[in-house]
Protein backbone atom coordinates (compact mmCIF):
# COMPACT_ATOMS: atom_id res chain seq x y z
CA MET A 1 6.48 4.09 35.76
CA SER A 2 8.81 7.08 35.67
CA GLU A 3 9.17 9.34 38.69
CA LEU A 4 8.02 12.35 36.71
CA ARG A 5 4.84 10.64 35.60
CA VAL A 6 4.02 9.47 39.13
CA ALA A 7 4.82 12.91 40.52
CA SER A 8 2.55 14.51 37.94
CA ARG A 9 -0.34 12.28 38.99
CA TYR A 10 0.19 12.97 42.69
CA ALA A 11 0.41 16.73 41.98
CA LYS A 12 -2.77 16.64 39.92
CA SER A 13 -4.64 14.85 42.70
CA LEU A 14 -3.37 17.28 45.32
CA ILE A 15 -4.19 20.37 43.28
CA GLU A 16 -7.71 19.11 42.52
CA LEU A 17 -8.39 18.25 46.17
CA ALA A 18 -6.98 21.58 47.39
CA ALA A 19 -9.12 23.48 44.89
CA GLU A 20 -12.19 21.51 45.93
CA LYS A 21 -11.58 22.21 49.64
CA GLY A 22 -10.79 25.89 49.00
CA VAL A 23 -7.21 25.78 50.32
CA LEU A 24 -5.37 25.91 47.00
CA GLU A 25 -3.37 29.05 47.81
CA GLN A 26 -2.21 27.70 51.19
CA VAL A 27 -1.18 24.35 49.67
CA HIS A 28 0.63 26.22 46.89
CA ASP A 29 2.57 28.17 49.53
CA ASP A 30 3.33 24.88 51.31
CA MET A 31 4.73 23.35 48.13
CA LYS A 32 6.91 26.42 47.58
CA LEU A 33 8.14 26.07 51.18
CA PHE A 34 8.89 22.37 50.61
CA THR A 35 10.85 23.16 47.44
CA SER A 36 12.77 25.85 49.29
CA VAL A 37 13.65 23.52 52.18
CA VAL A 38 14.80 20.77 49.81
CA SER A 39 16.91 23.14 47.69
CA GLN A 40 18.57 24.76 50.71
CA ASN A 41 19.19 21.60 52.72
CA ARG A 42 21.15 18.90 50.92
CA GLY A 43 20.96 16.60 53.97
CA PHE A 44 17.15 16.64 53.86
CA GLN A 45 17.20 15.97 50.12
CA MET A 46 19.59 13.05 50.59
CA LEU A 47 17.38 11.65 53.37
CA LEU A 48 14.33 11.63 51.07
CA HIS A 49 16.25 9.70 48.39
CA ASN A 50 18.07 7.30 50.74
CA PRO A 51 16.68 3.75 50.31
CA ILE A 52 18.31 2.53 53.54
CA VAL A 53 16.36 4.86 55.85
CA LYS A 54 12.90 3.45 56.55
CA SER A 55 9.78 5.34 55.55
CA ASP A 56 8.60 5.82 59.14
CA LYS A 57 11.88 7.57 60.01
CA LYS A 58 11.58 9.80 56.94
CA LEU A 59 7.98 10.57 57.87
CA ALA A 60 9.06 11.52 61.41
CA VAL A 61 11.61 13.97 59.98
CA ILE A 62 9.06 15.41 57.51
CA ASN A 63 6.54 15.87 60.33
CA GLY A 64 9.22 17.40 62.56
CA VAL A 65 10.18 19.92 59.90
CA PHE A 66 6.74 20.84 58.55
CA LYS A 67 4.19 20.22 61.34
CA GLY A 68 2.62 23.52 62.35
CA LYS A 69 4.12 25.31 59.35
CA VAL A 70 1.96 23.83 56.60
CA GLN A 71 -1.72 23.22 55.97
CA GLU A 72 -3.17 20.01 57.48
CA MET A 73 -4.03 18.76 53.97
CA THR A 74 -0.40 19.14 52.90
CA LEU A 75 0.82 17.25 55.96
CA ALA A 76 -1.74 14.50 55.32
CA PHE A 77 -0.52 14.33 51.72
CA PHE A 78 3.09 13.95 52.92
CA ASN A 79 1.92 11.14 55.22
CA ILE A 80 0.14 9.31 52.39
CA VAL A 81 3.17 9.52 50.12
CA ALA A 82 5.44 8.32 52.95
CA ARG A 83 3.16 5.35 53.72
CA LYS A 84 3.49 4.36 50.05
CA SER A 85 7.33 4.59 50.44
CA ARG A 86 7.56 7.28 47.77
CA GLU A 87 9.22 10.09 49.70
CA SER A 88 11.84 10.38 46.99
CA ILE A 89 9.28 11.80 44.56
CA LEU A 90 8.05 14.56 46.87
CA GLU A 91 10.58 16.96 45.37
CA PHE A 92 9.24 16.22 41.87
CA VAL A 93 5.64 16.46 43.11
CA ALA A 94 6.32 19.98 44.40
CA THR A 95 7.79 21.00 41.03
CA GLU A 96 4.89 19.46 39.09
CA PHE A 97 2.42 21.11 41.47
CA GLU A 98 3.95 24.50 40.64
CA LYS A 99 3.66 23.82 36.89
CA GLN A 100 0.04 22.69 37.14
CA TYR A 101 -0.84 25.58 39.44
CA ASN A 102 0.61 28.07 36.94
CA LEU A 103 -1.30 26.40 34.12
CA MET A 104 -4.54 26.49 36.12
CA LYS A 105 -4.12 30.16 37.08
CA GLY A 106 -2.91 31.30 33.64
CA ILE A 107 0.55 32.27 34.86
CA GLN A 108 3.47 32.24 32.40
CA ARG A 109 7.01 32.15 33.76
CA ALA A 110 9.59 34.26 31.98
CA SER A 111 13.21 35.01 32.73
CA VAL A 112 15.25 37.98 31.62
CA THR A 113 19.02 37.88 31.90
CA SER A 114 20.80 41.22 31.70
CA ALA A 115 24.23 42.65 32.43
CA ALA A 116 22.84 45.09 35.00
CA PRO A 117 19.66 45.12 37.11
CA LEU A 118 16.55 46.36 35.31
CA SER A 119 14.95 49.53 36.53
CA PRO A 120 11.52 49.08 38.13
CA ALA A 121 9.88 50.97 35.25
CA LEU A 122 11.58 48.78 32.63
CA ARG A 123 10.69 45.60 34.55
CA GLN A 124 7.04 46.70 34.70
CA GLN A 125 7.01 47.70 31.02
CA LEU A 126 8.50 44.33 30.02
CA GLY A 127 5.98 42.46 32.18
CA GLU A 128 3.07 44.37 30.65
CA LYS A 129 4.30 43.81 27.09
CA LEU A 130 4.71 40.07 27.70
CA ALA A 131 1.28 39.89 29.34
CA ASN A 132 -0.28 41.55 26.28
CA GLU A 133 1.58 39.20 23.91
CA THR A 134 0.80 35.97 25.78
CA GLY A 135 -2.57 36.85 27.29
CA LYS A 136 -1.37 35.44 30.61
CA THR A 137 -0.13 36.82 33.89
CA ILE A 138 3.65 37.02 33.74
CA GLN A 139 5.91 35.85 36.56
CA LEU A 140 9.20 37.54 35.65
CA GLU A 141 12.49 36.23 37.03
CA GLU A 142 15.47 38.54 36.72
CA ILE A 143 19.00 37.14 36.40
CA ILE A 144 22.12 39.31 36.39
CA ASP A 145 25.04 38.12 34.21
CA PRO A 146 27.81 40.69 33.70
CA ALA A 147 29.31 38.47 30.96
CA LEU A 148 26.53 39.65 28.60
CA ILE A 149 28.22 43.09 28.51
CA GLY A 150 24.94 44.76 27.52
CA GLY A 151 21.48 43.97 26.21
CA PHE A 152 19.37 41.07 27.47
CA VAL A 153 18.30 37.47 26.94
CA LEU A 154 14.56 36.87 27.34
CA ARG A 155 13.11 33.37 27.79
CA VAL A 156 9.37 32.74 27.74
CA GLY A 157 8.39 29.09 27.73
CA ASP A 158 10.55 27.47 25.08
CA SER A 159 11.17 30.71 23.13
CA GLN A 160 14.29 32.81 23.53
CA ILE A 161 15.24 36.28 22.32
CA ASP A 162 18.95 37.02 22.62
CA SER A 163 19.80 40.64 21.98
CA SER A 164 22.92 40.76 24.12
CA VAL A 165 26.20 42.35 23.14
CA LYS A 166 27.91 39.03 23.86
CA ASN A 167 25.76 37.28 21.26
CA SER A 168 26.33 40.07 18.72
CA LEU A 169 30.09 39.79 19.21
CA ARG A 170 29.90 36.01 18.81
CA LYS A 171 28.01 36.39 15.51
CA LEU A 172 30.50 39.01 14.31
CA LYS A 173 33.39 36.69 15.14
CA ILE A 174 31.79 33.89 13.11
CA ASN A 175 31.27 36.27 10.18
CA LEU A 176 34.88 37.43 10.32
CA LYS A 177 36.15 33.85 10.37
CA ASP A 178 34.13 33.17 7.24
CA ASN A 179 36.23 35.63 5.30
CA SER A 180 34.67 35.43 1.87
CA TYR A 181 37.16 37.95 0.38
CA ILE A 182 40.09 35.54 0.72
CA ASN A 183 38.14 32.74 -0.93
CA LYS A 184 37.45 34.87 -3.99
CA LEU A 185 41.13 35.65 -4.64
């Protein structure tokens, strides 16, 4: 069974149990913390994926890092996964948990890439417009890319709107290369 499929099942179980026990928000924060620790610490990530290190050693490190910082249910979940020798999928479980949490809460992630930072008013206006269009709460991520020159690239789910100057120049270049006047002579 693929890691993603297993991770999805573990995430679904955890999210359902957390919702049932009334600690969904705390467990969600714990999963965000776990993702942050893994992304910022390559050594920890390598430890989780290392097949030579025994599960009890990995569990000791996980407990050392997260004990007292996360909900007891989250720590118990980490222990269960470690006893099954599946620490390597914890990273994927945290990602899947975030996806399922957003789906459950009606949150849509969107990213806007622009050449310069958006003003607070424009960011709010964009968030409100997207919320009206999708009918969901929008979680807007802002990315700055000076290479765009101007305009923006908006991604919502699997849709993309590219109204950047860079894209317009690229299209113009393609049109100029396809010089139809020379072909007609």
